[in-house]
PDB file of N, CA and C in Angstrom:
ATOM      1  N   MET A   1      -6.378   2.649  -9.369  1.00  0.00           N
ATOM      2  CA  MET A   1      -7.078   3.176  -8.220  1.00  0.00           C
ATOM      3  C   MET A   1      -6.350   2.791  -6.924  1.00  0.00           C
ATOM      4  N   LEU A   2      -6.057   1.526  -6.766  1.00  0.00           N
ATOM      5  CA  LEU A   2      -5.327   1.085  -5.586  1.00  0.00           C
ATOM      6  C   LEU A   2      -3.934   1.702  -5.561  1.00  0.00           C
ATOM      7  N   ASN A   3      -3.353   1.839  -6.732  1.00  0.00           N
ATOM      8  CA  ASN A   3      -2.035   2.465  -6.837  1.00  0.00           C
ATOM      9  C   ASN A   3      -2.081   3.914  -6.341  1.00  0.00           C
ATOM     10  N   ASP A   4      -3.158   4.622  -6.646  1.00  0.00           N
ATOM     11  CA  ASP A   4      -3.310   6.007  -6.178  1.00  0.00           C
ATOM     12  C   ASP A   4      -3.394   6.065  -4.656  1.00  0.00           C
ATOM     13  N   GLU A   5      -4.132   5.111  -4.074  1.00  0.00           N
ATOM     14  CA  GLU A   5      -4.251   5.064  -2.618  1.00  0.00           C
ATOM     15  C   GLU A   5      -2.888   4.813  -1.972  1.00  0.00           C
ATOM     16  N   ILE A   6      -2.114   3.935  -2.583  1.00  0.00           N
ATOM     17  CA  ILE A   6      -0.781   3.637  -2.077  1.00  0.00           C
ATOM     18  C   ILE A   6       0.086   4.879  -2.117  1.00  0.00           C
ATOM     19  N   CYS A   7       0.048   5.596  -3.215  1.00  0.00           N
ATOM     20  CA  CYS A   7       0.860   6.816  -3.351  1.00  0.00           C
ATOM     21  C   CYS A   7       0.467   7.861  -2.311  1.00  0.00           C
ATOM     22  N   LYS A   8      -0.833   8.060  -2.090  1.00  0.00           N
ATOM     23  CA  LYS A   8      -1.296   9.040  -1.116  1.00  0.00           C
ATOM     24  C   LYS A   8      -0.875   8.653   0.296  1.00  0.00           C
ATOM     25  N   LEU A   9      -1.023   7.373   0.613  1.00  0.00           N
ATOM     26  CA  LEU A   9      -0.654   6.923   1.950  1.00  0.00           C
ATOM     27  C   LEU A   9       0.854   6.977   2.155  1.00  0.00           C
ATOM     28  N   ARG A  10       1.608   6.682   1.122  1.00  0.00           N
ATOM     29  CA  ARG A  10       3.069   6.774   1.205  1.00  0.00           C
ATOM     30  C   ARG A  10       3.477   8.224   1.480  1.00  0.00           C
ATOM     31  N   GLU A  11       2.792   9.157   0.845  1.00  0.00           N
ATOM     32  CA  GLU A  11       3.084  10.575   1.066  1.00  0.00           C
ATOM     33  C   GLU A  11       2.776  10.967   2.512  1.00  0.00           C
ATOM     34  N   LYS A  12       1.642  10.484   3.039  1.00  0.00           N
ATOM     35  CA  LYS A  12       1.297  10.765   4.434  1.00  0.00           C
ATOM     36  C   LYS A  12       2.346  10.191   5.385  1.00  0.00           C
ATOM     37  N   LEU A  13       2.788   8.974   5.092  1.00  0.00           N
ATOM     38  CA  LEU A  13       3.797   8.337   5.931  1.00  0.00           C
ATOM     39  C   LEU A  13       5.097   9.139   5.899  1.00  0.00           C
ATOM     40  N   ASN A  14       5.508   9.535   4.718  1.00  0.00           N
ATOM     41  CA  ASN A  14       6.736  10.340   4.594  1.00  0.00           C
ATOM     42  C   ASN A  14       6.628  11.649   5.373  1.00  0.00           C
ATOM     43  N   GLU A  15       5.490  12.307   5.275  1.00  0.00           N
ATOM     44  CA  GLU A  15       5.280  13.559   6.007  1.00  0.00           C
ATOM     45  C   GLU A  15       5.328  13.316   7.514  1.00  0.00           C
ATOM     46  N   SER A  16       4.757  12.204   7.937  1.00  0.00           N
ATOM     47  CA  SER A  16       4.759  11.858   9.351  1.00  0.00           C
ATOM     48  C   SER A  16       6.182  11.681   9.869  1.00  0.00           C
ATOM     49  N   ILE A  17       7.004  11.029   9.066  1.00  0.00           N
ATOM     50  CA  ILE A  17       8.401  10.817   9.450  1.00  0.00           C
ATOM     51  C   ILE A  17       9.164  12.138   9.469  1.00  0.00           C
ATOM     52  N   ILE A  18       8.989  12.927   8.426  1.00  0.00           N
ATOM     53  CA  ILE A  18       9.700  14.217   8.315  1.00  0.00           C
ATOM     54  C   ILE A  18       9.313  15.152   9.458  1.00  0.00           C
ATOM     55  N   ASN A  19       8.021  15.151   9.814  1.00  0.00           N
ATOM     56  CA  ASN A  19       7.527  16.060  10.855  1.00  0.00           C
ATOM     57  C   ASN A  19       7.693  15.507  12.271  1.00  0.00           C
ATOM     58  N   HIS A  20       8.330  14.352  12.382  1.00  0.00           N
ATOM     59  CA  HIS A  20       8.575  13.726  13.683  1.00  0.00           C
ATOM     60  C   HIS A  20       7.287  13.569  14.487  1.00  0.00           C
ATOM     61  N   GLU A  21       6.248  13.104  13.795  1.00  0.00           N
ATOM     62  CA  GLU A  21       4.981  12.887  14.490  1.00  0.00           C
ATOM     63  C   GLU A  21       5.118  11.725  15.471  1.00  0.00           C
ATOM     64  N   ASP A  22       4.131  11.595  16.304  1.00  0.00           N
ATOM     65  CA  ASP A  22       4.111  10.531  17.294  1.00  0.00           C
ATOM     66  C   ASP A  22       4.358   9.173  16.625  1.00  0.00           C
ATOM     67  N   TYR A  23       5.142   8.354  17.287  1.00  0.00           N
ATOM     68  CA  TYR A  23       5.508   7.036  16.741  1.00  0.00           C
ATOM     69  C   TYR A  23       4.274   6.214  16.392  1.00  0.00           C
ATOM     70  N   ASN A  24       3.249   6.275  17.233  1.00  0.00           N
ATOM     71  CA  ASN A  24       2.043   5.467  16.998  1.00  0.00           C
ATOM     72  C   ASN A  24       1.354   5.849  15.691  1.00  0.00           C
ATOM     73  N   ILE A  25       1.367   7.112  15.362  1.00  0.00           N
ATOM     74  CA  ILE A  25       0.767   7.572  14.106  1.00  0.00           C
ATOM     75  C   ILE A  25       1.579   7.054  12.926  1.00  0.00           C
ATOM     76  N   THR A  26       2.883   7.205  13.010  1.00  0.00           N
ATOM     77  CA  THR A  26       3.766   6.735  11.940  1.00  0.00           C
ATOM     78  C   THR A  26       3.639   5.225  11.765  1.00  0.00           C
ATOM     79  N   TYR A  27       3.601   4.526  12.878  1.00  0.00           N
ATOM     80  CA  TYR A  27       3.482   3.067  12.837  1.00  0.00           C
ATOM     81  C   TYR A  27       2.160   2.645  12.189  1.00  0.00           C
ATOM     82  N   LYS A  28       1.074   3.306  12.569  1.00  0.00           N
ATOM     83  CA  LYS A  28      -0.250   2.992  12.011  1.00  0.00           C
ATOM     84  C   LYS A  28      -0.252   3.213  10.500  1.00  0.00           C
ATOM     85  N   LEU A  29       0.302   4.325  10.050  1.00  0.00           N
ATOM     86  CA  LEU A  29       0.370   4.601   8.616  1.00  0.00           C
ATOM     87  C   LEU A  29       1.207   3.552   7.894  1.00  0.00           C
ATOM     88  N   SER A  30       2.285   3.126   8.523  1.00  0.00           N
ATOM     89  CA  SER A  30       3.154   2.112   7.935  1.00  0.00           C
ATOM     90  C   SER A  30       2.412   0.784   7.764  1.00  0.00           C
ATOM     91  N   ILE A  31       1.658   0.393   8.781  1.00  0.00           N
ATOM     92  CA  ILE A  31       0.883  -0.848   8.712  1.00  0.00           C
ATOM     93  C   ILE A  31      -0.178  -0.756   7.616  1.00  0.00           C
ATOM     94  N   GLU A  32      -0.867   0.363   7.551  1.00  0.00           N
ATOM     95  CA  GLU A  32      -1.887   0.557   6.515  1.00  0.00           C
ATOM     96  C   GLU A  32      -1.269   0.470   5.120  1.00  0.00           C
ATOM     97  N   LEU A  33      -0.103   1.075   4.963  1.00  0.00           N
ATOM     98  CA  LEU A  33       0.581   1.044   3.678  1.00  0.00           C
ATOM     99  C   LEU A  33       0.983  -0.387   3.321  1.00  0.00           C
ATOM    100  N   ASP A  34       1.524  -1.112   4.281  1.00  0.00           N
ATOM    101  CA  ASP A  34       1.893  -2.513   4.045  1.00  0.00           C
ATOM    102  C   ASP A  34       0.686  -3.337   3.587  1.00  0.00           C
ATOM    103  N   GLU A  35      -0.456  -3.111   4.219  1.00  0.00           N
ATOM    104  CA  GLU A  35      -1.672  -3.857   3.864  1.00  0.00           C
ATOM    105  C   GLU A  35      -2.128  -3.521   2.448  1.00  0.00           C
ATOM    106  N   LEU A  36      -2.065  -2.254   2.083  1.00  0.00           N
ATOM    107  CA  LEU A  36      -2.450  -1.851   0.729  1.00  0.00           C
ATOM    108  C   LEU A  36      -1.511  -2.440  -0.319  1.00  0.00           C
ATOM    109  N   ILE A  37      -0.228  -2.438  -0.015  1.00  0.00           N
ATOM    110  CA  ILE A  37       0.746  -3.000  -0.959  1.00  0.00           C
ATOM    111  C   ILE A  37       0.513  -4.495  -1.121  1.00  0.00           C
ATOM    112  N   ALA A  38       0.239  -5.191  -0.024  1.00  0.00           N
ATOM    113  CA  ALA A  38      -0.048  -6.626  -0.099  1.00  0.00           C
ATOM    114  C   ALA A  38      -1.291  -6.880  -0.941  1.00  0.00           C
ATOM    115  N   LYS A  39      -2.316  -6.063  -0.745  1.00  0.00           N
ATOM    116  CA  LYS A  39      -3.547  -6.189  -1.526  1.00  0.00           C
ATOM    117  C   LYS A  39      -3.267  -5.951  -3.012  1.00  0.00           C
ATOM    118  N   TYR A  40      -2.440  -4.952  -3.305  1.00  0.00           N
ATOM    119  CA  TYR A  40      -2.070  -4.631  -4.682  1.00  0.00           C
ATOM    120  C   TYR A  40      -1.416  -5.836  -5.364  1.00  0.00           C
ATOM    121  N   TYR A  41      -0.470  -6.463  -4.672  1.00  0.00           N
ATOM    122  CA  TYR A  41       0.221  -7.611  -5.253  1.00  0.00           C
ATOM    123  C   TYR A  41      -0.690  -8.829  -5.361  1.00  0.00           C
ATOM    124  N   LYS A  42      -1.562  -9.031  -4.379  1.00  0.00           N
ATOM    125  CA  LYS A  42      -2.509 -10.152  -4.455  1.00  0.00           C
ATOM    126  C   LYS A  42      -3.421 -10.002  -5.664  1.00  0.00           C
ATOM    127  N   GLU A  43      -3.916  -8.798  -5.885  1.00  0.00           N
ATOM    128  CA  GLU A  43      -4.785  -8.551  -7.032  1.00  0.00           C
ATOM    129  C   GLU A  43      -4.024  -8.746  -8.334  1.00  0.00           C
ATOM    130  N   GLY A  44      -2.776  -8.316  -8.369  1.00  0.00           N
ATOM    131  CA  GLY A  44      -1.953  -8.481  -9.568  1.00  0.00           C
ATOM    132  C   GLY A  44      -1.703  -9.945  -9.877  1.00  0.00           C
ATOM    133  N   ILE A  45      -1.439 -10.723  -8.845  1.00  0.00           N
ATOM    134  CA  ILE A  45      -1.204 -12.160  -9.037  1.00  0.00           C
ATOM    135  C   ILE A  45      -2.483 -12.842  -9.491  1.00  0.00           C
ATOM    136  N   ALA A  46      -3.608 -12.458  -8.906  1.00  0.00           N
ATOM    137  CA  ALA A  46      -4.883 -13.052  -9.291  1.00  0.00           C
ATOM    138  C   ALA A  46      -5.198 -12.759 -10.758  1.00  0.00           C
ATOM    139  N   LYS A  47      -4.940 -11.529 -11.194  1.00  0.00           N
ATOM    140  CA  LYS A  47      -5.179 -11.172 -12.592  1.00  0.00           C
ATOM    141  C   LYS A  47      -4.255 -11.970 -13.507  1.00  0.00           C
ATOM    142  N   LYS A  48      -3.007 -12.111 -13.109  1.00  0.00           N
ATOM    143  CA  LYS A  48      -2.038 -12.860 -13.903  1.00  0.00           C
ATOM    144  C   LYS A  48      -2.456 -14.324 -14.008  1.00  0.00           C
ATOM    145  N   ASP A  49      -2.876 -14.921 -12.918  1.00  0.00           N
ATOM    146  CA  ASP A  49      -3.333 -16.310 -12.913  1.00  0.00           C
ATOM    147  C   ASP A  49      -4.578 -16.472 -13.783  1.00  0.00           C
ATOM    148  N   LYS A  50      -5.451 -15.490 -13.730  1.00  0.00           N
ATOM    149  CA  LYS A  50      -6.676 -15.543 -14.524  1.00  0.00           C
ATOM    150  C   LYS A  50      -6.358 -15.525 -16.015  1.00  0.00           C
ATOM    151  N   ARG A  51      -5.379 -14.688 -16.390  1.00  0.00           N
ATOM    152  CA  ARG A  51      -4.982 -14.616 -17.793  1.00  0.00           C
ATOM    153  C   ARG A  51      -4.342 -15.932 -18.245  1.00  0.00           C
ATOM    154  N   LYS A  52      -3.551 -16.545 -17.379  1.00  0.00           N
ATOM    155  CA  LYS A  52      -2.901 -17.816 -17.722  1.00  0.00           C
ATOM    156  C   LYS A  52      -3.937 -18.909 -17.933  1.00  0.00           C
ATOM    157  N   SER A  53      -4.981 -18.929 -17.104  1.00  0.00           N
ATOM    158  CA  SER A  53      -5.984 -19.984 -17.202  1.00  0.00           C
ATOM    159  C   SER A  53      -6.839 -19.854 -18.467  1.00  0.00           C
ATOM    160  N   LYS A  54      -6.909 -18.659 -19.046  1.00  0.00           N
ATOM    161  CA  LYS A  54      -7.678 -18.449 -20.267  1.00  0.00           C
ATOM    162  C   LYS A  54      -6.949 -18.983 -21.499  1.00  0.00           C
ATOM    163  N   LYS A  55      -5.632 -19.142 -21.392  1.00  0.00           N
ATOM    164  CA  LYS A  55      -4.829 -19.571 -22.552  1.00  0.00           C
ATOM    165  C   LYS A  55      -4.957 -21.036 -22.803  1.00  0.00           C
TER     166      LYS A  55
END
């Protein structure tokens, strides 16, 4: 689910760059994408740690 959100936002960011949209829009999309990617990795690490603690 989070991966889907990342893909959609990445597509929006790419379109923004290709269409030479206002810098502020592109920048905002970039920040949002960075936050989603960070969340994705945090969740992945938490799941990995949880699995290790069960062993």
